[in-house]
Amino acid sequence: MNWEECYKTGNTPWDKSEPAPELESALAEGLLKGRVLVPGCGLGHDVRAIAKAGALEVIGLDLAPSAIQEAKEQAVLPNTSFLQGDFFELPEAFMGHFDWIWEHTCFCAIPPADRPQYIQSARNSLCPGGRLLALFFLNPDMEDPSQGPPFGVTTEELDRDFAGLFELEQEWLPRATYPGREGRELVRLLRRL
């Protein structure tokens, strides 16, 4: 998938022009404080919501230069930064730096074969005991889920792939979701081991 081309042509059906509904619920509970990384941040709606809720520092990272440029052109708070880059090739300064990662659209956008690399990058960027709050897309509602993105995931795959690197602290169905995604997503709170 050429993400830059998608943003240049406006072919971004995943962008709902607002933060993820489940993110708003998590922020109301006081989650995502301290230093937060948002991989695959797109136009930065989630980044701005986390920053407004009082996080110390929020960095949005995306592969697409056009997404980052547009995110920067919108209201940017003093505790936010938007960087163009690859989550699989993080700068040294990111290693062990973050207290939290908010995962919403990055994991489902990458081919399943690359997920171990995603999990390792997430672990590397978190400080010891740091947490990954993830909204996983279980069922993208496609005729052939292997032809994503988005690519779905099962709870068994999540258990297997995160084992040994993260501990599952909590799991729940989203309290709020975009219309049409009811019953197709799962939230997990994972702690870096």
N, C-alpha and C. Protein backbone atom coordinates (compact mmCIF):
# COMPACT_ATOMS: atom_id res chain seq x y z
N MET A 1 0.86 -1.18 0.00
CA MET A 1 0.00 0.00 0.00
C MET A 1 0.90 1.24 0.00
N ASN A 2 0.60 2.17 -0.88
CA ASN A 2 1.34 3.43 -0.92
C ASN A 2 0.56 4.46 -0.12
N TRP A 3 0.93 4.62 1.14
CA TRP A 3 0.20 5.50 2.05
C TRP A 3 0.29 6.95 1.60
N GLU A 4 1.44 7.37 1.10
CA GLU A 4 1.59 8.75 0.63
C GLU A 4 0.60 9.04 -0.49
N GLU A 5 0.48 8.13 -1.44
CA GLU A 5 -0.46 8.31 -2.54
C GLU A 5 -1.90 8.40 -2.02
N CYS A 6 -2.23 7.60 -1.03
CA CYS A 6 -3.57 7.66 -0.44
C CYS A 6 -3.87 9.04 0.11
N TYR A 7 -2.92 9.61 0.85
CA TYR A 7 -3.15 10.94 1.42
C TYR A 7 -3.17 12.02 0.35
N LYS A 8 -2.33 11.90 -0.65
CA LYS A 8 -2.29 12.91 -1.73
C LYS A 8 -3.60 12.93 -2.52
N THR A 9 -4.21 11.75 -2.71
CA THR A 9 -5.44 11.66 -3.50
C THR A 9 -6.70 11.73 -2.65
N GLY A 10 -6.55 11.78 -1.33
CA GLY A 10 -7.71 11.83 -0.45
C GLY A 10 -8.40 10.49 -0.29
N ASN A 11 -7.74 9.41 -0.66
CA ASN A 11 -8.31 8.06 -0.53
C ASN A 11 -7.97 7.52 0.87
N THR A 12 -8.63 8.08 1.89
CA THR A 12 -8.33 7.74 3.28
C THR A 12 -9.62 7.39 4.04
N PRO A 13 -10.25 6.27 3.68
CA PRO A 13 -11.51 5.92 4.33
C PRO A 13 -11.36 5.65 5.84
N TRP A 14 -10.14 5.41 6.32
CA TRP A 14 -9.92 5.18 7.74
C TRP A 14 -9.95 6.48 8.55
N ASP A 15 -9.79 7.61 7.89
CA ASP A 15 -9.78 8.89 8.59
C ASP A 15 -11.22 9.37 8.78
N LYS A 16 -11.63 9.44 10.04
CA LYS A 16 -13.00 9.83 10.37
C LYS A 16 -13.10 11.28 10.82
N SER A 17 -12.00 12.04 10.71
CA SER A 17 -11.95 13.47 11.06
C SER A 17 -12.22 13.74 12.53
N GLU A 18 -12.00 12.74 13.37
CA GLU A 18 -12.19 12.89 14.80
C GLU A 18 -11.41 11.78 15.51
N PRO A 19 -11.14 11.96 16.80
CA PRO A 19 -10.46 10.89 17.54
C PRO A 19 -11.32 9.63 17.61
N ALA A 20 -10.66 8.50 17.79
CA ALA A 20 -11.38 7.25 17.95
C ALA A 20 -12.29 7.33 19.17
N PRO A 21 -13.55 6.91 19.06
CA PRO A 21 -14.47 6.99 20.21
C PRO A 21 -13.92 6.29 21.46
N GLU A 22 -13.29 5.14 21.29
CA GLU A 22 -12.76 4.43 22.45
C GLU A 22 -11.64 5.21 23.12
N LEU A 23 -10.89 5.96 22.34
CA LEU A 23 -9.83 6.80 22.91
C LEU A 23 -10.43 7.81 23.88
N GLU A 24 -11.52 8.41 23.51
CA GLU A 24 -12.17 9.39 24.39
C GLU A 24 -12.56 8.74 25.72
N SER A 25 -13.05 7.50 25.68
CA SER A 25 -13.40 6.78 26.91
C SER A 25 -12.16 6.52 27.76
N ALA A 26 -11.07 6.09 27.13
CA ALA A 26 -9.82 5.81 27.85
C ALA A 26 -9.27 7.07 28.50
N LEU A 27 -9.32 8.18 27.78
CA LEU A 27 -8.82 9.44 28.33
C LEU A 27 -9.67 9.89 29.52
N ALA A 28 -10.96 9.66 29.46
CA ALA A 28 -11.85 10.02 30.57
C ALA A 28 -11.51 9.22 31.82
N GLU A 29 -10.92 8.03 31.64
CA GLU A 29 -10.50 7.20 32.77
C GLU A 29 -9.10 7.54 33.27
N GLY A 30 -8.44 8.49 32.63
CA GLY A 30 -7.11 8.90 33.08
C GLY A 30 -5.96 8.09 32.51
N LEU A 31 -6.22 7.32 31.45
CA LEU A 31 -5.14 6.57 30.80
C LEU A 31 -4.35 7.49 29.87
N LEU A 32 -3.19 7.04 29.43
CA LEU A 32 -2.36 7.74 28.45
C LEU A 32 -1.80 9.06 28.99
N LYS A 33 -1.12 8.98 30.09
CA LYS A 33 -0.45 10.14 30.70
C LYS A 33 1.06 10.02 30.45
N GLY A 34 1.79 11.05 30.75
CA GLY A 34 3.24 11.01 30.58
C GLY A 34 3.62 11.21 29.13
N ARG A 35 4.57 10.41 28.65
CA ARG A 35 5.07 10.50 27.27
C ARG A 35 4.39 9.41 26.44
N VAL A 36 3.72 9.83 25.36
CA VAL A 36 2.88 8.93 24.57
C VAL A 36 3.32 8.95 23.10
N LEU A 37 3.44 7.77 22.51
CA LEU A 37 3.73 7.62 21.09
C LEU A 37 2.49 7.10 20.38
N VAL A 38 2.17 7.69 19.22
CA VAL A 38 1.04 7.25 18.41
C VAL A 38 1.57 6.86 17.03
N PRO A 39 1.88 5.57 16.81
CA PRO A 39 2.35 5.15 15.49
C PRO A 39 1.21 5.12 14.48
N GLY A 40 1.52 5.48 13.23
CA GLY A 40 0.48 5.53 12.22
C GLY A 40 -0.56 6.58 12.54
N CYS A 41 -0.11 7.76 12.95
CA CYS A 41 -1.01 8.79 13.48
C CYS A 41 -1.88 9.46 12.44
N GLY A 42 -1.57 9.29 11.16
CA GLY A 42 -2.38 9.93 10.13
C GLY A 42 -2.41 11.44 10.30
N LEU A 43 -3.60 12.00 10.30
CA LEU A 43 -3.76 13.45 10.40
C LEU A 43 -3.73 13.97 11.84
N GLY A 44 -3.53 13.08 12.79
CA GLY A 44 -3.26 13.51 14.16
C GLY A 44 -4.44 13.75 15.07
N HIS A 45 -5.62 13.27 14.71
CA HIS A 45 -6.79 13.50 15.57
C HIS A 45 -6.58 12.90 16.97
N ASP A 46 -6.07 11.68 17.02
CA ASP A 46 -5.84 11.02 18.32
C ASP A 46 -4.73 11.72 19.09
N VAL A 47 -3.68 12.15 18.40
CA VAL A 47 -2.57 12.85 19.05
C VAL A 47 -3.08 14.10 19.77
N ARG A 48 -3.87 14.89 19.07
CA ARG A 48 -4.39 16.13 19.68
C ARG A 48 -5.30 15.84 20.86
N ALA A 49 -6.12 14.79 20.77
CA ALA A 49 -7.01 14.44 21.89
C ALA A 49 -6.21 14.04 23.12
N ILE A 50 -5.17 13.23 22.93
CA ILE A 50 -4.33 12.81 24.05
C ILE A 50 -3.62 14.00 24.67
N ALA A 51 -3.12 14.90 23.83
CA ALA A 51 -2.44 16.09 24.33
C ALA A 51 -3.40 16.99 25.13
N LYS A 52 -4.60 17.19 24.61
CA LYS A 52 -5.59 18.02 25.31
C LYS A 52 -5.97 17.43 26.65
N ALA A 53 -5.91 16.10 26.77
CA ALA A 53 -6.26 15.43 28.03
C ALA A 53 -5.16 15.55 29.08
N GLY A 54 -4.01 16.13 28.70
CA GLY A 54 -2.99 16.42 29.70
C GLY A 54 -1.73 15.60 29.67
N ALA A 55 -1.50 14.81 28.61
CA ALA A 55 -0.24 14.06 28.53
C ALA A 55 0.93 15.03 28.49
N LEU A 56 2.02 14.63 29.06
CA LEU A 56 3.23 15.46 29.11
C LEU A 56 3.78 15.73 27.71
N GLU A 57 3.85 14.68 26.90
CA GLU A 57 4.40 14.76 25.55
C GLU A 57 3.70 13.72 24.69
N VAL A 58 3.28 14.12 23.48
CA VAL A 58 2.64 13.19 22.55
C VAL A 58 3.32 13.34 21.19
N ILE A 59 3.84 12.25 20.69
CA ILE A 59 4.48 12.26 19.38
C ILE A 59 3.68 11.38 18.43
N GLY A 60 3.26 11.97 17.33
CA GLY A 60 2.59 11.24 16.26
C GLY A 60 3.60 10.91 15.18
N LEU A 61 3.62 9.66 14.76
CA LEU A 61 4.57 9.17 13.77
C LEU A 61 3.79 8.56 12.61
N ASP A 62 4.18 8.90 11.38
CA ASP A 62 3.51 8.31 10.23
C ASP A 62 4.49 8.22 9.07
N LEU A 63 4.30 7.20 8.22
CA LEU A 63 5.13 7.01 7.03
C LEU A 63 4.89 8.09 5.97
N ALA A 64 3.67 8.56 5.87
CA ALA A 64 3.28 9.45 4.78
C ALA A 64 3.62 10.91 5.07
N PRO A 65 4.53 11.50 4.30
CA PRO A 65 4.87 12.91 4.51
C PRO A 65 3.65 13.84 4.42
N SER A 66 2.72 13.55 3.51
CA SER A 66 1.54 14.41 3.36
C SER A 66 0.65 14.37 4.60
N ALA A 67 0.54 13.21 5.23
CA ALA A 67 -0.25 13.11 6.46
C ALA A 67 0.38 13.96 7.55
N ILE A 68 1.69 13.86 7.70
CA ILE A 68 2.39 14.63 8.74
C ILE A 68 2.28 16.12 8.45
N GLN A 69 2.44 16.51 7.19
CA GLN A 69 2.33 17.93 6.84
C GLN A 69 0.96 18.48 7.20
N GLU A 70 -0.09 17.72 6.85
CA GLU A 70 -1.45 18.18 7.16
C GLU A 70 -1.69 18.19 8.66
N ALA A 71 -1.16 17.22 9.38
CA ALA A 71 -1.31 17.20 10.85
C ALA A 71 -0.67 18.44 11.45
N LYS A 72 0.48 18.83 10.93
CA LYS A 72 1.18 20.02 11.44
C LYS A 72 0.44 21.31 11.11
N GLU A 73 -0.33 21.30 10.04
CA GLU A 73 -1.07 22.50 9.64
C GLU A 73 -2.32 22.72 10.48
N GLN A 74 -2.77 21.68 11.16
CA GLN A 74 -3.90 21.83 12.08
C GLN A 74 -3.38 22.33 13.41
N ALA A 75 -4.27 22.62 14.32
CA ALA A 75 -3.86 23.15 15.63
C ALA A 75 -2.89 22.18 16.30
N VAL A 76 -1.69 22.66 16.58
CA VAL A 76 -0.68 21.85 17.24
C VAL A 76 -0.45 22.42 18.64
N LEU A 77 -0.60 21.59 19.64
CA LEU A 77 -0.41 22.02 21.02
C LEU A 77 1.07 21.96 21.39
N PRO A 78 1.48 22.72 22.41
CA PRO A 78 2.90 22.74 22.77
C PRO A 78 3.46 21.38 23.17
N ASN A 79 2.63 20.48 23.64
CA ASN A 79 3.10 19.16 24.08
C ASN A 79 2.99 18.10 22.99
N THR A 80 2.86 18.54 21.71
CA THR A 80 2.75 17.59 20.60
C THR A 80 3.87 17.79 19.58
N SER A 81 4.23 16.71 18.91
CA SER A 81 5.15 16.74 17.77
C SER A 81 4.65 15.73 16.75
N PHE A 82 4.84 16.05 15.49
CA PHE A 82 4.50 15.14 14.41
C PHE A 82 5.76 14.88 13.61
N LEU A 83 6.10 13.59 13.44
CA LEU A 83 7.31 13.20 12.74
C LEU A 83 7.00 12.21 11.63
N GLN A 84 7.61 12.43 10.48
CA GLN A 84 7.50 11.47 9.39
C GLN A 84 8.58 10.42 9.63
N GLY A 85 8.18 9.15 9.64
CA GLY A 85 9.15 8.10 9.86
C GLY A 85 8.51 6.73 9.90
N ASP A 86 9.36 5.73 10.00
CA ASP A 86 8.96 4.33 9.98
C ASP A 86 9.02 3.78 11.40
N PHE A 87 7.92 3.24 11.87
CA PHE A 87 7.85 2.67 13.22
C PHE A 87 8.83 1.52 13.39
N PHE A 88 9.21 0.89 12.29
CA PHE A 88 10.17 -0.21 12.36
C PHE A 88 11.62 0.27 12.42
N GLU A 89 11.84 1.54 12.19
CA GLU A 89 13.20 2.11 12.21
C GLU A 89 13.20 3.36 13.08
N LEU A 90 12.97 3.18 14.36
CA LEU A 90 12.85 4.30 15.28
C LEU A 90 14.21 4.93 15.57
N PRO A 91 14.21 6.24 15.77
CA PRO A 91 15.47 6.89 16.16
C PRO A 91 15.92 6.44 17.55
N GLU A 92 17.19 6.52 17.78
CA GLU A 92 17.77 6.10 19.07
C GLU A 92 17.10 6.81 20.24
N ALA A 93 16.74 8.07 20.06
CA ALA A 93 16.12 8.85 21.13
C ALA A 93 14.77 8.29 21.57
N PHE A 94 14.14 7.47 20.74
CA PHE A 94 12.85 6.88 21.08
C PHE A 94 12.99 5.62 21.94
N MET A 95 14.16 5.04 21.98
CA MET A 95 14.34 3.77 22.68
C MET A 95 14.14 3.94 24.19
N GLY A 96 13.15 3.22 24.71
CA GLY A 96 12.84 3.27 26.13
C GLY A 96 12.31 4.61 26.61
N HIS A 97 11.83 5.43 25.71
CA HIS A 97 11.45 6.81 26.03
C HIS A 97 10.00 6.97 26.49
N PHE A 98 9.11 6.13 26.00
CA PHE A 98 7.67 6.39 26.17
C PHE A 98 7.06 5.60 27.32
N ASP A 99 6.10 6.26 27.98
CA ASP A 99 5.31 5.61 29.04
C ASP A 99 4.14 4.83 28.45
N TRP A 100 3.65 5.31 27.32
CA TRP A 100 2.46 4.73 26.68
C TRP A 100 2.63 4.73 25.17
N ILE A 101 1.98 3.77 24.53
CA ILE A 101 1.71 3.79 23.10
C ILE A 101 0.20 3.65 22.94
N TRP A 102 -0.37 4.50 22.10
CA TRP A 102 -1.78 4.34 21.72
C TRP A 102 -1.79 3.75 20.30
N GLU A 103 -2.33 2.57 20.18
CA GLU A 103 -2.42 1.86 18.91
C GLU A 103 -3.87 1.85 18.45
N HIS A 104 -4.07 2.42 17.25
CA HIS A 104 -5.43 2.42 16.72
C HIS A 104 -5.47 1.89 15.29
N THR A 105 -4.64 2.39 14.40
CA THR A 105 -4.76 1.99 12.99
C THR A 105 -3.47 1.45 12.38
N CYS A 106 -2.39 1.43 13.10
CA CYS A 106 -1.12 0.99 12.53
C CYS A 106 -1.04 -0.54 12.43
N PHE A 107 -1.39 -1.23 13.49
CA PHE A 107 -1.26 -2.70 13.54
C PHE A 107 -2.07 -3.37 12.44
N CYS A 108 -3.29 -2.90 12.20
CA CYS A 108 -4.14 -3.53 11.18
C CYS A 108 -3.71 -3.16 9.77
N ALA A 109 -2.87 -2.14 9.63
CA ALA A 109 -2.44 -1.69 8.31
C ALA A 109 -1.23 -2.44 7.78
N ILE A 110 -0.51 -3.12 8.66
CA ILE A 110 0.70 -3.80 8.21
C ILE A 110 0.40 -5.28 7.94
N PRO A 111 1.10 -5.87 6.99
CA PRO A 111 0.88 -7.29 6.71
C PRO A 111 1.15 -8.14 7.97
N PRO A 112 0.35 -9.17 8.20
CA PRO A 112 0.54 -10.00 9.39
C PRO A 112 1.96 -10.53 9.58
N ALA A 113 2.68 -10.77 8.50
CA ALA A 113 4.06 -11.26 8.63
C ALA A 113 4.99 -10.24 9.29
N ASP A 114 4.60 -8.96 9.26
CA ASP A 114 5.43 -7.90 9.86
C ASP A 114 5.05 -7.60 11.31
N ARG A 115 4.05 -8.27 11.82
CA ARG A 115 3.59 -7.96 13.18
C ARG A 115 4.63 -8.23 14.26
N PRO A 116 5.44 -9.28 14.16
CA PRO A 116 6.49 -9.44 15.19
C PRO A 116 7.44 -8.23 15.24
N GLN A 117 7.72 -7.64 14.08
CA GLN A 117 8.57 -6.46 14.06
C GLN A 117 7.86 -5.27 14.71
N TYR A 118 6.56 -5.14 14.49
CA TYR A 118 5.77 -4.10 15.15
C TYR A 118 5.86 -4.27 16.67
N ILE A 119 5.64 -5.48 17.14
CA ILE A 119 5.64 -5.75 18.58
C ILE A 119 7.00 -5.45 19.18
N GLN A 120 8.07 -5.80 18.48
CA GLN A 120 9.41 -5.52 18.98
C GLN A 120 9.67 -4.01 19.02
N SER A 121 9.24 -3.27 18.01
CA SER A 121 9.40 -1.82 18.00
C SER A 121 8.62 -1.17 19.13
N ALA A 122 7.41 -1.68 19.38
CA ALA A 122 6.62 -1.16 20.48
C ALA A 122 7.34 -1.38 21.80
N ARG A 123 7.84 -2.58 21.99
CA ARG A 123 8.56 -2.89 23.23
C ARG A 123 9.80 -2.01 23.37
N ASN A 124 10.55 -1.85 22.28
CA ASN A 124 11.78 -1.06 22.32
C ASN A 124 11.53 0.40 22.66
N SER A 125 10.41 0.94 22.23
CA SER A 125 10.14 2.36 22.45
C SER A 125 9.57 2.65 23.84
N LEU A 126 9.06 1.63 24.51
CA LEU A 126 8.49 1.82 25.84
C LEU A 126 9.55 1.70 26.93
N CYS A 127 9.39 2.49 27.97
CA CYS A 127 10.26 2.35 29.13
C CYS A 127 9.85 1.07 29.87
N PRO A 128 10.69 0.52 30.74
CA PRO A 128 10.30 -0.67 31.50
C PRO A 128 8.98 -0.42 32.24
N GLY A 129 8.04 -1.34 32.07
CA GLY A 129 6.73 -1.19 32.68
C GLY A 129 5.79 -0.31 31.89
N GLY A 130 6.25 0.24 30.75
CA GLY A 130 5.40 1.08 29.91
C GLY A 130 4.24 0.27 29.36
N ARG A 131 3.21 0.97 28.93
CA ARG A 131 1.98 0.30 28.51
C ARG A 131 1.59 0.61 27.08
N LEU A 132 1.03 -0.40 26.46
CA LEU A 132 0.47 -0.31 25.12
C LEU A 132 -1.04 -0.44 25.27
N LEU A 133 -1.75 0.61 24.90
CA LEU A 133 -3.21 0.57 24.88
C LEU A 133 -3.60 0.45 23.42
N ALA A 134 -4.22 -0.66 23.06
CA ALA A 134 -4.46 -0.97 21.65
C ALA A 134 -5.92 -1.27 21.36
N LEU A 135 -6.39 -0.68 20.29
CA LEU A 135 -7.71 -0.99 19.74
C LEU A 135 -7.46 -1.85 18.50
N PHE A 136 -7.64 -3.16 18.65
CA PHE A 136 -7.34 -4.10 17.58
C PHE A 136 -8.59 -4.35 16.73
N PHE A 137 -8.37 -4.44 15.43
CA PHE A 137 -9.44 -4.71 14.46
C PHE A 137 -9.50 -6.22 14.26
N LEU A 138 -10.49 -6.86 14.84
CA LEU A 138 -10.62 -8.31 14.74
C LEU A 138 -11.15 -8.74 13.38
N ASN A 139 -12.16 -8.04 12.92
CA ASN A 139 -12.88 -8.49 11.72
C ASN A 139 -13.11 -7.30 10.80
N PRO A 140 -12.24 -7.12 9.81
CA PRO A 140 -12.40 -5.98 8.91
C PRO A 140 -13.60 -6.06 7.98
N ASP A 141 -14.38 -7.16 8.03
CA ASP A 141 -15.58 -7.30 7.21
C ASP A 141 -15.26 -7.24 5.72
N MET A 142 -14.30 -8.08 5.33
CA MET A 142 -13.93 -8.18 3.92
C MET A 142 -14.21 -9.59 3.45
N GLU A 143 -14.41 -9.74 2.14
CA GLU A 143 -14.64 -11.09 1.60
C GLU A 143 -13.42 -11.97 1.87
N ASP A 144 -12.23 -11.42 1.69
CA ASP A 144 -10.99 -12.16 1.93
C ASP A 144 -10.11 -11.32 2.86
N PRO A 145 -10.16 -11.59 4.18
CA PRO A 145 -9.41 -10.77 5.14
C PRO A 145 -7.90 -10.76 4.90
N SER A 146 -7.38 -11.72 4.13
CA SER A 146 -5.95 -11.73 3.87
C SER A 146 -5.56 -10.70 2.82
N GLN A 147 -6.56 -10.07 2.21
CA GLN A 147 -6.28 -9.09 1.15
C GLN A 147 -6.35 -7.65 1.64
N GLY A 148 -6.09 -7.42 2.92
CA GLY A 148 -6.11 -6.07 3.45
C GLY A 148 -5.05 -5.19 2.83
N PRO A 149 -4.81 -4.03 3.37
CA PRO A 149 -5.33 -3.60 4.66
C PRO A 149 -6.77 -3.12 4.57
N PRO A 150 -7.46 -3.16 5.71
CA PRO A 150 -6.97 -3.60 7.01
C PRO A 150 -6.91 -5.12 7.10
N PHE A 151 -5.98 -5.58 7.92
CA PHE A 151 -5.83 -7.00 8.19
C PHE A 151 -6.37 -7.29 9.59
N GLY A 152 -7.27 -8.25 9.69
CA GLY A 152 -7.81 -8.62 10.99
C GLY A 152 -6.81 -9.43 11.80
N VAL A 153 -7.18 -9.67 13.04
CA VAL A 153 -6.35 -10.47 13.94
C VAL A 153 -7.27 -11.22 14.89
N THR A 154 -6.84 -12.37 15.35
CA THR A 154 -7.62 -13.13 16.32
C THR A 154 -7.02 -12.95 17.72
N THR A 155 -7.80 -13.24 18.73
CA THR A 155 -7.27 -13.16 20.10
C THR A 155 -6.16 -14.19 20.30
N GLU A 156 -6.27 -15.33 19.64
CA GLU A 156 -5.23 -16.35 19.75
C GLU A 156 -3.91 -15.84 19.17
N GLU A 157 -3.98 -15.15 18.04
CA GLU A 157 -2.77 -14.57 17.45
C GLU A 157 -2.17 -13.50 18.36
N LEU A 158 -3.01 -12.67 18.95
CA LEU A 158 -2.52 -11.64 19.87
C LEU A 158 -1.84 -12.29 21.07
N ASP A 159 -2.47 -13.32 21.65
CA ASP A 159 -1.88 -14.02 22.80
C ASP A 159 -0.51 -14.57 22.43
N ARG A 160 -0.44 -15.24 21.30
CA ARG A 160 0.81 -15.87 20.86
C ARG A 160 1.89 -14.82 20.55
N ASP A 161 1.55 -13.80 19.79
CA ASP A 161 2.56 -12.86 19.29
C ASP A 161 3.10 -11.92 20.36
N PHE A 162 2.29 -11.56 21.34
CA PHE A 162 2.75 -10.64 22.39
C PHE A 162 3.38 -11.38 23.58
N ALA A 163 3.23 -12.70 23.63
CA ALA A 163 3.74 -13.50 24.76
C ALA A 163 5.24 -13.31 24.94
N GLY A 164 5.64 -13.15 26.19
CA GLY A 164 7.05 -13.02 26.52
C GLY A 164 7.59 -11.62 26.44
N LEU A 165 6.89 -10.74 25.73
CA LEU A 165 7.33 -9.35 25.61
C LEU A 165 6.40 -8.38 26.34
N PHE A 166 5.13 -8.78 26.43
CA PHE A 166 4.11 -7.96 27.08
C PHE A 166 3.23 -8.85 27.96
N GLU A 167 2.72 -8.27 29.02
CA GLU A 167 1.74 -8.94 29.87
C GLU A 167 0.38 -8.29 29.65
N LEU A 168 -0.63 -9.10 29.41
CA LEU A 168 -1.99 -8.60 29.25
C LEU A 168 -2.53 -8.22 30.63
N GLU A 169 -2.85 -6.95 30.80
CA GLU A 169 -3.41 -6.47 32.07
C GLU A 169 -4.93 -6.44 32.05
N GLN A 170 -5.50 -6.00 30.93
CA GLN A 170 -6.96 -5.94 30.81
C GLN A 170 -7.34 -6.10 29.35
N GLU A 171 -8.60 -6.52 29.16
CA GLU A 171 -9.16 -6.66 27.82
C GLU A 171 -10.64 -6.35 27.92
N TRP A 172 -11.16 -5.61 26.94
CA TRP A 172 -12.58 -5.29 26.95
C TRP A 172 -13.04 -4.95 25.53
N LEU A 173 -14.34 -5.02 25.34
CA LEU A 173 -14.93 -4.56 24.09
C LEU A 173 -15.03 -3.04 24.16
N PRO A 174 -14.83 -2.35 23.04
CA PRO A 174 -14.91 -0.89 23.07
C PRO A 174 -16.24 -0.42 23.63
N ARG A 175 -16.17 0.59 24.46
CA ARG A 175 -17.38 1.18 25.02
C ARG A 175 -18.08 2.06 24.00
N ALA A 176 -17.31 2.55 23.05
CA ALA A 176 -17.84 3.36 21.95
C ALA A 176 -17.00 3.05 20.72
N THR A 177 -17.63 3.08 19.55
CA THR A 177 -16.90 2.77 18.31
C THR A 177 -17.53 3.53 17.16
N TYR A 178 -16.84 3.56 16.04
CA TYR A 178 -17.41 4.15 14.85
C TYR A 178 -18.58 3.29 14.38
N PRO A 179 -19.62 3.90 13.82
CA PRO A 179 -20.75 3.11 13.30
C PRO A 179 -20.26 2.06 12.30
N GLY A 180 -20.79 0.84 12.45
CA GLY A 180 -20.42 -0.26 11.58
C GLY A 180 -19.29 -1.12 12.11
N ARG A 181 -18.64 -0.68 13.18
CA ARG A 181 -17.55 -1.48 13.74
C ARG A 181 -17.96 -2.18 15.04
N GLU A 182 -19.21 -2.10 15.39
CA GLU A 182 -19.69 -2.74 16.60
C GLU A 182 -19.37 -4.23 16.57
N GLY A 183 -18.75 -4.75 17.64
CA GLY A 183 -18.43 -6.17 17.75
C GLY A 183 -17.26 -6.62 16.90
N ARG A 184 -16.58 -5.70 16.26
CA ARG A 184 -15.47 -6.06 15.37
C ARG A 184 -14.12 -5.60 15.90
N GLU A 185 -14.10 -5.04 17.09
CA GLU A 185 -12.86 -4.52 17.67
C GLU A 185 -12.69 -5.04 19.09
N LEU A 186 -11.45 -5.00 19.57
CA LEU A 186 -11.12 -5.44 20.91
C LEU A 186 -10.05 -4.51 21.47
N VAL A 187 -10.21 -4.12 22.71
CA VAL A 187 -9.22 -3.26 23.37
C VAL A 187 -8.40 -4.11 24.30
N ARG A 188 -7.09 -3.93 24.25
CA ARG A 188 -6.18 -4.59 25.18
C ARG A 188 -5.24 -3.57 25.80
N LEU A 189 -5.04 -3.71 27.09
CA LEU A 189 -4.04 -2.93 27.82
C LEU A 189 -2.91 -3.91 28.15
N LEU A 190 -1.74 -3.65 27.57
CA LEU A 190 -0.59 -4.55 27.72
C LEU A 190 0.55 -3.80 28.38
N ARG A 191 1.27 -4.46 29.27
CA ARG A 191 2.42 -3.87 29.95
C ARG A 191 3.69 -4.50 29.44
N ARG A 192 4.66 -3.66 29.12
CA ARG A 192 5.96 -4.16 28.67
C ARG A 192 6.66 -4.92 29.77
N LEU A 193 7.14 -6.11 29.47
CA LEU A 193 7.90 -6.90 30.43
C LEU A 193 9.38 -6.50 30.36
